[in-house]
Amino acid sequence: MKAGIHPNYGPIVFRDLASGEKYLTHSTATSDKTIEWEDGNTYPVIDVEISAASHPFYTGKQRIMDSAGRVERFNQRFKGFGGKKA
């Protein structure tokens, strides 16, 4: 590798704001905020809105849409539309 052209690669903590989970990993991302990890060391931290710990696809806790109410409103709205004309 050429020296001086690659970003620094080091440990960083990603914190999920929705679930509170924290992941210690390595990345080229940086942050000014820091957090003390379980091992006593201080690492930079990046706050993320959603991760595998809080995403509905991975947790299986998807929101149920009120589709029955929507279908009823649609049918009520277009009840006589498209009917045969005498």
N, C-alpha and C. Protein backbone atom coordinates (compact mmCIF):
# COMPACT_ATOMS: atom_id res chain seq x y z
N MET A 1 0.84 -1.19 0.00
CA MET A 1 0.00 0.00 0.00
C MET A 1 0.88 1.24 0.00
N LYS A 2 0.42 2.25 -0.69
CA LYS A 2 1.12 3.52 -0.67
C LYS A 2 0.87 4.22 0.66
N ALA A 3 1.88 4.83 1.18
CA ALA A 3 1.75 5.55 2.46
C ALA A 3 1.08 6.90 2.24
N GLY A 4 0.22 7.28 3.19
CA GLY A 4 -0.37 8.62 3.17
C GLY A 4 -1.62 8.80 2.33
N ILE A 5 -2.09 7.78 1.61
CA ILE A 5 -3.28 7.98 0.77
C ILE A 5 -4.50 7.25 1.32
N HIS A 6 -4.33 6.41 2.34
CA HIS A 6 -5.44 5.65 2.88
C HIS A 6 -5.92 6.26 4.20
N PRO A 7 -7.23 6.23 4.45
CA PRO A 7 -7.73 6.76 5.72
C PRO A 7 -7.34 5.85 6.88
N ASN A 8 -7.30 6.41 8.08
CA ASN A 8 -6.96 5.63 9.26
C ASN A 8 -8.07 4.63 9.56
N TYR A 9 -7.69 3.41 9.88
CA TYR A 9 -8.61 2.32 10.17
C TYR A 9 -8.42 1.95 11.62
N GLY A 10 -9.48 2.14 12.42
CA GLY A 10 -9.31 1.86 13.84
C GLY A 10 -10.61 1.51 14.52
N PRO A 11 -10.55 1.23 15.81
CA PRO A 11 -11.75 0.84 16.55
C PRO A 11 -12.71 2.02 16.72
N ILE A 12 -14.00 1.73 16.67
CA ILE A 12 -15.04 2.74 16.84
C ILE A 12 -16.30 2.05 17.36
N VAL A 13 -17.10 2.78 18.09
CA VAL A 13 -18.35 2.25 18.63
C VAL A 13 -19.51 2.86 17.86
N PHE A 14 -20.42 2.01 17.39
CA PHE A 14 -21.67 2.47 16.79
C PHE A 14 -22.77 2.24 17.81
N ARG A 15 -23.51 3.31 18.15
CA ARG A 15 -24.57 3.24 19.15
C ARG A 15 -25.92 3.45 18.48
N ASP A 16 -26.82 2.49 18.63
CA ASP A 16 -28.17 2.56 18.07
C ASP A 16 -29.03 3.38 19.02
N LEU A 17 -29.55 4.51 18.54
CA LEU A 17 -30.35 5.38 19.38
C LEU A 17 -31.72 4.80 19.70
N ALA A 18 -32.26 3.96 18.84
CA ALA A 18 -33.59 3.40 19.05
C ALA A 18 -33.60 2.31 20.11
N SER A 19 -32.59 1.45 20.12
CA SER A 19 -32.59 0.32 21.04
C SER A 19 -31.55 0.45 22.16
N GLY A 20 -30.57 1.32 21.99
CA GLY A 20 -29.53 1.47 22.99
C GLY A 20 -28.38 0.49 22.84
N GLU A 21 -28.43 -0.38 21.84
CA GLU A 21 -27.35 -1.35 21.61
C GLU A 21 -26.09 -0.61 21.16
N LYS A 22 -24.94 -1.16 21.53
CA LYS A 22 -23.66 -0.60 21.13
C LYS A 22 -22.80 -1.70 20.52
N TYR A 23 -22.10 -1.37 19.44
CA TYR A 23 -21.24 -2.32 18.74
C TYR A 23 -19.84 -1.75 18.64
N LEU A 24 -18.86 -2.47 19.12
CA LEU A 24 -17.46 -2.09 18.96
C LEU A 24 -16.93 -2.81 17.74
N THR A 25 -16.44 -2.05 16.78
CA THR A 25 -15.94 -2.62 15.53
C THR A 25 -14.79 -1.75 15.03
N HIS A 26 -14.32 -2.03 13.84
CA HIS A 26 -13.28 -1.23 13.21
C HIS A 26 -13.85 -0.56 11.98
N SER A 27 -13.44 0.67 11.74
CA SER A 27 -13.96 1.42 10.60
C SER A 27 -13.01 2.56 10.28
N THR A 28 -13.21 3.15 9.10
CA THR A 28 -12.47 4.36 8.74
C THR A 28 -13.26 5.60 9.12
N ALA A 29 -14.49 5.44 9.60
CA ALA A 29 -15.30 6.56 10.05
C ALA A 29 -14.71 7.15 11.33
N THR A 30 -14.90 8.45 11.52
CA THR A 30 -14.37 9.10 12.71
C THR A 30 -15.47 9.93 13.37
N SER A 31 -15.23 10.30 14.62
CA SER A 31 -16.18 11.11 15.36
C SER A 31 -15.44 11.88 16.45
N ASP A 32 -15.98 13.03 16.82
CA ASP A 32 -15.41 13.81 17.91
C ASP A 32 -15.93 13.34 19.26
N LYS A 33 -17.12 12.70 19.27
CA LYS A 33 -17.68 12.20 20.51
C LYS A 33 -17.00 10.90 20.90
N THR A 34 -16.87 10.68 22.21
CA THR A 34 -16.23 9.45 22.69
C THR A 34 -17.12 8.78 23.72
N ILE A 35 -16.84 7.50 23.97
CA ILE A 35 -17.56 6.72 24.96
C ILE A 35 -16.58 5.76 25.61
N GLU A 36 -16.81 5.50 26.89
CA GLU A 36 -15.97 4.52 27.58
C GLU A 36 -16.59 3.14 27.41
N TRP A 37 -15.82 2.21 26.87
CA TRP A 37 -16.30 0.86 26.59
C TRP A 37 -16.13 -0.01 27.82
N GLU A 38 -16.67 -1.22 27.77
CA GLU A 38 -16.64 -2.15 28.90
C GLU A 38 -15.22 -2.55 29.32
N ASP A 39 -14.28 -2.46 28.40
CA ASP A 39 -12.90 -2.83 28.73
C ASP A 39 -12.12 -1.69 29.38
N GLY A 40 -12.78 -0.54 29.60
CA GLY A 40 -12.14 0.60 30.25
C GLY A 40 -11.50 1.58 29.30
N ASN A 41 -11.40 1.24 28.02
CA ASN A 41 -10.81 2.14 27.04
C ASN A 41 -11.86 3.10 26.50
N THR A 42 -11.41 4.24 26.02
CA THR A 42 -12.29 5.25 25.43
C THR A 42 -12.17 5.17 23.91
N TYR A 43 -13.33 5.08 23.24
CA TYR A 43 -13.37 4.97 21.78
C TYR A 43 -14.27 6.06 21.22
N PRO A 44 -14.03 6.46 19.96
CA PRO A 44 -14.97 7.38 19.32
C PRO A 44 -16.30 6.67 19.10
N VAL A 45 -17.40 7.42 19.15
CA VAL A 45 -18.73 6.83 19.01
C VAL A 45 -19.51 7.56 17.91
N ILE A 46 -20.23 6.79 17.11
CA ILE A 46 -21.12 7.33 16.09
C ILE A 46 -22.53 6.86 16.42
N ASP A 47 -23.45 7.81 16.55
CA ASP A 47 -24.85 7.49 16.83
C ASP A 47 -25.59 7.24 15.52
N VAL A 48 -26.30 6.11 15.46
CA VAL A 48 -27.09 5.78 14.28
C VAL A 48 -28.55 5.68 14.68
N GLU A 49 -29.44 6.03 13.77
CA GLU A 49 -30.88 6.01 14.04
C GLU A 49 -31.42 4.59 14.13
N ILE A 50 -30.89 3.70 13.33
CA ILE A 50 -31.44 2.35 13.26
C ILE A 50 -30.33 1.37 12.92
N SER A 51 -30.41 0.18 13.48
CA SER A 51 -29.45 -0.87 13.20
C SER A 51 -30.19 -2.21 13.19
N ALA A 52 -29.47 -3.29 13.11
CA ALA A 52 -30.11 -4.60 13.10
C ALA A 52 -30.85 -4.87 14.42
N ALA A 53 -30.46 -4.20 15.49
CA ALA A 53 -31.11 -4.40 16.79
C ALA A 53 -32.48 -3.76 16.85
N SER A 54 -32.74 -2.75 16.00
CA SER A 54 -34.02 -2.06 16.08
C SER A 54 -34.80 -2.05 14.77
N HIS A 55 -34.22 -2.55 13.69
CA HIS A 55 -34.91 -2.54 12.40
C HIS A 55 -36.02 -3.59 12.39
N PRO A 56 -37.23 -3.23 11.97
CA PRO A 56 -38.36 -4.18 11.99
C PRO A 56 -38.11 -5.45 11.21
N PHE A 57 -37.34 -5.40 10.14
CA PHE A 57 -37.09 -6.60 9.35
C PHE A 57 -36.31 -7.64 10.15
N TYR A 58 -35.35 -7.18 10.93
CA TYR A 58 -34.51 -8.10 11.69
C TYR A 58 -35.13 -8.50 13.03
N THR A 59 -35.94 -7.62 13.62
CA THR A 59 -36.53 -7.92 14.93
C THR A 59 -37.83 -8.70 14.80
N GLY A 60 -38.49 -8.62 13.64
CA GLY A 60 -39.77 -9.30 13.45
C GLY A 60 -40.93 -8.54 14.04
N LYS A 61 -40.71 -7.34 14.49
CA LYS A 61 -41.76 -6.52 15.09
C LYS A 61 -42.19 -5.45 14.10
N GLN A 62 -42.80 -5.87 13.01
CA GLN A 62 -43.24 -4.92 12.01
C GLN A 62 -44.57 -4.33 12.41
N ARG A 63 -44.79 -3.09 12.00
CA ARG A 63 -46.06 -2.44 12.29
C ARG A 63 -47.12 -3.01 11.36
N ILE A 64 -48.28 -3.23 11.91
CA ILE A 64 -49.41 -3.73 11.12
C ILE A 64 -50.19 -2.51 10.64
N MET A 65 -50.35 -2.43 9.35
CA MET A 65 -51.11 -1.32 8.78
C MET A 65 -52.60 -1.63 8.87
N ASP A 66 -53.40 -0.62 9.00
CA ASP A 66 -54.85 -0.78 9.08
C ASP A 66 -55.39 -0.93 7.65
N SER A 67 -55.10 -2.08 7.04
CA SER A 67 -55.50 -2.28 5.65
C SER A 67 -57.00 -2.51 5.53
N ALA A 68 -57.62 -3.12 6.52
CA ALA A 68 -59.07 -3.37 6.44
C ALA A 68 -59.82 -2.05 6.42
N GLY A 69 -59.41 -1.10 7.23
CA GLY A 69 -60.06 0.21 7.23
C GLY A 69 -59.86 0.95 5.93
N ARG A 70 -58.71 0.81 5.34
CA ARG A 70 -58.44 1.47 4.07
C ARG A 70 -59.29 0.89 2.95
N VAL A 71 -59.43 -0.43 2.95
CA VAL A 71 -60.24 -1.09 1.92
C VAL A 71 -61.70 -0.66 2.07
N GLU A 72 -62.20 -0.62 3.29
CA GLU A 72 -63.58 -0.20 3.52
C GLU A 72 -63.81 1.24 3.06
N ARG A 73 -62.87 2.12 3.36
CA ARG A 73 -63.01 3.52 2.92
C ARG A 73 -62.99 3.61 1.40
N PHE A 74 -62.12 2.82 0.75
CA PHE A 74 -62.05 2.83 -0.71
C PHE A 74 -63.37 2.35 -1.30
N ASN A 75 -63.90 1.23 -0.78
CA ASN A 75 -65.16 0.70 -1.30
C ASN A 75 -66.31 1.67 -1.07
N GLN A 76 -66.34 2.32 0.06
CA GLN A 76 -67.40 3.28 0.36
C GLN A 76 -67.31 4.48 -0.58
N ARG A 77 -66.11 4.91 -0.87
CA ARG A 77 -65.89 6.09 -1.72
C ARG A 77 -66.29 5.83 -3.17
N PHE A 78 -65.97 4.65 -3.67
CA PHE A 78 -66.22 4.33 -5.08
C PHE A 78 -67.32 3.28 -5.23
N LYS A 79 -68.32 3.31 -4.37
CA LYS A 79 -69.38 2.30 -4.36
C LYS A 79 -70.12 2.22 -5.69
N GLY A 80 -70.53 3.35 -6.25
CA GLY A 80 -71.32 3.32 -7.48
C GLY A 80 -70.52 3.58 -8.73
N PHE A 81 -69.24 3.71 -8.62
CA PHE A 81 -68.40 4.04 -9.77
C PHE A 81 -68.22 2.85 -10.68
N GLY A 82 -68.39 3.05 -11.97
CA GLY A 82 -68.15 2.00 -12.96
C GLY A 82 -69.29 1.02 -13.12
N GLY A 83 -70.41 1.30 -12.51
CA GLY A 83 -71.56 0.40 -12.65
C GLY A 83 -72.19 0.53 -14.04
N LYS A 84 -73.01 -0.45 -14.38
CA LYS A 84 -73.67 -0.41 -15.69
C LYS A 84 -74.73 0.68 -15.69
N LYS A 85 -74.81 1.37 -16.82
CA LYS A 85 -75.80 2.43 -16.98
C LYS A 85 -76.92 1.93 -17.88
N ALA A 86 -78.12 2.18 -17.47
CA ALA A 86 -79.26 1.71 -18.23
C ALA A 86 -79.67 2.66 -19.31
